[in-house]
Amino acid sequence: MDNEKELQELKERLAKVEDQLQQKSKSSSVSRFVVSFIIAFVVFLVVGVVVQFMNPY
């Protein structure tokens, strides 16, 4: 009986850990998207400034 109880506790712990890992992967993908968006925005700004600098009109 003790073995079954321990096994059930381990299953519950494993489920909690899996849930935490899934939450971390979701938040990391969102943060990765935000960082990529900011980098792309900065690159477009730099390209725009360079194009305007090269074109004197």
N, C-alpha and C. Protein backbone atom coordinates (compact mmCIF):
# COMPACT_ATOMS: atom_id res chain seq x y z
N MET A 1 0.82 -1.19 0.00
CA MET A 1 0.00 0.00 0.00
C MET A 1 0.87 1.26 0.00
N ASP A 2 1.96 1.22 0.76
CA ASP A 2 2.87 2.36 0.81
C ASP A 2 3.49 2.62 -0.57
N ASN A 3 3.80 1.54 -1.28
CA ASN A 3 4.39 1.70 -2.60
C ASN A 3 3.44 2.41 -3.55
N GLU A 4 2.17 2.07 -3.49
CA GLU A 4 1.19 2.70 -4.35
C GLU A 4 1.05 4.19 -4.02
N LYS A 5 1.09 4.49 -2.73
CA LYS A 5 0.99 5.89 -2.30
C LYS A 5 2.21 6.68 -2.78
N GLU A 6 3.38 6.12 -2.64
CA GLU A 6 4.60 6.78 -3.10
C GLU A 6 4.58 6.96 -4.62
N LEU A 7 4.10 5.93 -5.32
CA LEU A 7 4.02 6.02 -6.77
C LEU A 7 3.06 7.14 -7.18
N GLN A 8 1.93 7.25 -6.50
CA GLN A 8 0.97 8.31 -6.80
C GLN A 8 1.58 9.69 -6.53
N GLU A 9 2.32 9.83 -5.44
CA GLU A 9 2.97 11.10 -5.12
C GLU A 9 4.00 11.47 -6.18
N LEU A 10 4.75 10.48 -6.64
CA LEU A 10 5.74 10.73 -7.69
C LEU A 10 5.07 11.17 -8.99
N LYS A 11 3.95 10.54 -9.32
CA LYS A 11 3.23 10.93 -10.52
C LYS A 11 2.73 12.37 -10.42
N GLU A 12 2.23 12.74 -9.24
CA GLU A 12 1.76 14.11 -9.05
C GLU A 12 2.91 15.11 -9.15
N ARG A 13 4.03 14.76 -8.56
CA ARG A 13 5.20 15.64 -8.64
C ARG A 13 5.67 15.81 -10.08
N LEU A 14 5.68 14.70 -10.81
CA LEU A 14 6.09 14.74 -12.21
C LEU A 14 5.14 15.61 -13.02
N ALA A 15 3.86 15.53 -12.77
CA ALA A 15 2.89 16.35 -13.48
C ALA A 15 3.12 17.83 -13.18
N LYS A 16 3.43 18.16 -11.91
CA LYS A 16 3.70 19.56 -11.55
C LYS A 16 4.94 20.08 -12.27
N VAL A 17 5.99 19.26 -12.30
CA VAL A 17 7.23 19.67 -12.96
C VAL A 17 7.00 19.87 -14.46
N GLU A 18 6.24 18.98 -15.08
CA GLU A 18 5.95 19.13 -16.50
C GLU A 18 5.17 20.40 -16.77
N ASP A 19 4.21 20.72 -15.91
CA ASP A 19 3.45 21.97 -16.06
C ASP A 19 4.36 23.19 -15.96
N GLN A 20 5.28 23.16 -15.00
CA GLN A 20 6.20 24.28 -14.84
C GLN A 20 7.09 24.44 -16.07
N LEU A 21 7.55 23.33 -16.62
CA LEU A 21 8.40 23.40 -17.81
C LEU A 21 7.63 23.97 -18.99
N GLN A 22 6.38 23.59 -19.15
CA GLN A 22 5.58 24.12 -20.25
C GLN A 22 5.35 25.61 -20.08
N GLN A 23 5.12 26.06 -18.86
CA GLN A 23 4.93 27.49 -18.62
C GLN A 23 6.21 28.27 -18.93
N LYS A 24 7.35 27.72 -18.57
CA LYS A 24 8.62 28.40 -18.85
C LYS A 24 8.87 28.47 -20.34
N SER A 25 8.55 27.42 -21.08
CA SER A 25 8.80 27.45 -22.52
C SER A 25 7.89 28.45 -23.20
N LYS A 26 6.66 28.61 -22.70
CA LYS A 26 5.76 29.61 -23.28
C LYS A 26 6.30 31.01 -23.03
N SER A 27 6.73 31.28 -21.82
CA SER A 27 7.22 32.62 -21.50
C SER A 27 8.52 32.90 -22.23
N SER A 28 9.37 31.90 -22.42
CA SER A 28 10.62 32.13 -23.13
C SER A 28 10.36 32.39 -24.60
N SER A 29 9.34 31.75 -25.19
CA SER A 29 9.06 32.01 -26.59
C SER A 29 8.49 33.41 -26.78
N VAL A 30 7.71 33.88 -25.82
CA VAL A 30 7.17 35.24 -25.90
C VAL A 30 8.31 36.25 -25.76
N SER A 31 9.19 36.03 -24.81
CA SER A 31 10.30 36.97 -24.63
C SER A 31 11.23 36.94 -25.84
N ARG A 32 11.42 35.77 -26.44
CA ARG A 32 12.25 35.68 -27.64
C ARG A 32 11.63 36.47 -28.78
N PHE A 33 10.30 36.41 -28.92
CA PHE A 33 9.60 37.17 -29.95
C PHE A 33 9.76 38.66 -29.72
N VAL A 34 9.62 39.11 -28.47
CA VAL A 34 9.73 40.53 -28.16
C VAL A 34 11.14 41.03 -28.47
N VAL A 35 12.15 40.29 -28.09
CA VAL A 35 13.53 40.68 -28.36
C VAL A 35 13.78 40.73 -29.85
N SER A 36 13.28 39.75 -30.60
CA SER A 36 13.46 39.74 -32.05
C SER A 36 12.78 40.94 -32.69
N PHE A 37 11.59 41.27 -32.21
CA PHE A 37 10.86 42.42 -32.75
C PHE A 37 11.63 43.71 -32.51
N ILE A 38 12.17 43.89 -31.31
CA ILE A 38 12.93 45.10 -31.00
C ILE A 38 14.18 45.19 -31.87
N ILE A 39 14.88 44.08 -32.04
CA ILE A 39 16.09 44.07 -32.88
C ILE A 39 15.74 44.43 -34.31
N ALA A 40 14.66 43.85 -34.84
CA ALA A 40 14.25 44.16 -36.22
C ALA A 40 13.89 45.63 -36.35
N PHE A 41 13.19 46.19 -35.36
CA PHE A 41 12.81 47.60 -35.39
C PHE A 41 14.05 48.50 -35.43
N VAL A 42 15.03 48.19 -34.59
CA VAL A 42 16.26 48.98 -34.55
C VAL A 42 17.01 48.88 -35.88
N VAL A 43 17.06 47.68 -36.46
CA VAL A 43 17.74 47.50 -37.74
C VAL A 43 17.05 48.33 -38.82
N PHE A 44 15.71 48.33 -38.85
CA PHE A 44 15.00 49.14 -39.84
C PHE A 44 15.27 50.63 -39.63
N LEU A 45 15.34 51.08 -38.40
CA LEU A 45 15.66 52.49 -38.14
C LEU A 45 17.05 52.83 -38.65
N VAL A 46 18.02 51.98 -38.38
CA VAL A 46 19.40 52.24 -38.82
C VAL A 46 19.46 52.26 -40.34
N VAL A 47 18.79 51.33 -41.00
CA VAL A 47 18.79 51.29 -42.47
C VAL A 47 18.14 52.57 -43.01
N GLY A 48 17.05 53.00 -42.41
CA GLY A 48 16.40 54.23 -42.86
C GLY A 48 17.30 55.44 -42.73
N VAL A 49 18.02 55.54 -41.62
CA VAL A 49 18.94 56.67 -41.43
C VAL A 49 20.06 56.61 -42.44
N VAL A 50 20.60 55.44 -42.70
CA VAL A 50 21.69 55.30 -43.66
C VAL A 50 21.21 55.67 -45.06
N VAL A 51 20.01 55.24 -45.43
CA VAL A 51 19.48 55.56 -46.76
C VAL A 51 19.28 57.06 -46.89
N GLN A 52 18.75 57.70 -45.88
CA GLN A 52 18.55 59.15 -45.94
C GLN A 52 19.88 59.90 -45.96
N PHE A 53 20.88 59.38 -45.27
CA PHE A 53 22.18 60.01 -45.27
C PHE A 53 22.83 59.91 -46.64
N MET A 54 22.65 58.76 -47.32
CA MET A 54 23.25 58.56 -48.64
C MET A 54 22.54 59.37 -49.72
N ASN A 55 21.26 59.66 -49.48
CA ASN A 55 20.47 60.40 -50.47
C ASN A 55 20.34 61.85 -49.99
N PRO A 56 21.07 62.79 -50.58
CA PRO A 56 21.07 64.16 -50.06
C PRO A 56 19.79 64.94 -50.37
N TYR A 57 18.92 64.43 -51.20
CA TYR A 57 17.71 65.19 -51.56
C TYR A 57 16.66 65.00 -50.55
